């Protein structure tokens, strides 16, 4: 698979959609880039913190206007 991209003056590279889909990059974030035998290898790094998103449910939502009612000021 060959595709063209542009390298900016600050050495930033846009990864085309076709490459992102093939590599499995779905969200912005970090990726490991390595070079082996003159080939660039891109591997997305999955954040352990971000994998917790949606895992825990909030029993009762707290509205921003009422947040002070829930803070313990006794300390």
Protein backbone atom coordinates (compact mmCIF):
# COMPACT_ATOMS: atom_id res chain seq x y z
CA UNK A 1 0.00 0.00 0.00
CA UNK A 2 1.54 3.27 -1.12
CA UNK A 3 0.17 6.68 -0.23
CA UNK A 4 1.54 10.20 -0.24
CA UNK A 5 1.59 12.65 2.65
CA UNK A 6 3.19 15.99 3.46
CA UNK A 7 5.86 16.74 6.03
CA UNK A 8 5.49 20.26 7.46
CA UNK A 9 8.42 22.59 8.25
CA UNK A 10 8.04 21.46 11.90
CA UNK A 11 8.36 17.81 10.78
CA UNK A 12 4.71 17.04 11.48
CA UNK A 13 3.11 14.37 9.33
CA UNK A 14 -0.56 13.87 8.47
CA UNK A 15 -1.45 10.17 8.51
CA UNK A 16 -3.99 9.55 5.75
CA UNK A 17 -7.33 7.91 6.62
CA UNK A 18 -6.52 4.75 4.67
CA UNK A 19 -3.33 4.22 6.70
CA UNK A 20 -5.06 5.03 10.02
CA UNK A 21 -7.74 2.42 9.30
CA UNK A 22 -5.20 -0.24 8.32
CA UNK A 23 -3.02 0.40 11.40
CA UNK A 24 -6.02 0.67 13.75
CA UNK A 25 -5.65 4.28 14.86
CA UNK A 26 -9.17 5.43 15.76
CA UNK A 27 -8.57 8.36 18.11
CA UNK A 28 -5.87 10.98 18.48
CA UNK A 29 -3.23 10.16 21.02
CA UNK A 30 0.17 8.55 21.19
CA UNK A 31 1.75 6.09 18.80
CA UNK A 32 5.02 4.22 18.72
CA UNK A 33 7.00 4.85 15.56
CA UNK A 34 10.00 2.68 14.77
CA UNK A 35 12.22 2.11 11.76
CA UNK A 36 13.29 -1.37 10.68
CA UNK A 37 15.22 -1.94 7.47
CA UNK A 38 14.29 1.50 6.12
CA UNK A 39 10.56 0.94 6.79
CA UNK A 40 8.53 3.03 9.21
CA UNK A 41 6.31 1.05 11.58
CA UNK A 42 3.45 2.81 13.40
CA UNK A 43 1.72 1.20 16.39
CA UNK A 44 -1.02 2.99 18.36
CA UNK A 45 -0.50 3.06 22.13
CA UNK A 46 -3.68 2.44 24.08
CA UNK A 47 -3.89 4.49 27.26
CA UNK A 48 -4.66 2.38 30.32
CA UNK A 49 -6.52 5.33 31.81
CA UNK A 50 -8.73 5.83 28.77
CA UNK A 51 -9.78 2.16 28.79
CA UNK A 52 -11.67 2.88 32.02
CA UNK A 53 -13.99 5.33 30.24
CA UNK A 54 -17.60 4.31 30.77
CA UNK A 55 -16.69 1.42 33.07
CA UNK A 56 -18.13 3.00 36.21
CA UNK A 57 -21.66 4.34 36.45
CA UNK A 58 -22.62 7.41 38.45
CA UNK A 59 -25.44 6.56 40.85
CA UNK A 60 -26.70 10.11 41.08
CA UNK A 61 -25.40 12.90 38.85
CA UNK A 62 -24.17 16.07 40.57
CA UNK A 63 -24.92 19.32 38.79
CA UNK A 64 -22.15 21.94 38.70
CA UNK A 65 -24.40 24.53 40.36
CA UNK A 66 -24.90 22.23 43.39
CA UNK A 67 -21.32 20.89 43.73
CA UNK A 68 -20.62 22.95 46.87
CA UNK A 69 -23.43 21.10 48.68
CA UNK A 70 -21.46 17.84 48.33
CA UNK A 71 -18.03 19.12 49.47
CA UNK A 72 -16.90 18.24 53.02
CA UNK A 73 -15.48 21.49 54.47
CA UNK A 74 -14.82 20.01 57.95
CA UNK A 75 -11.13 19.32 57.27
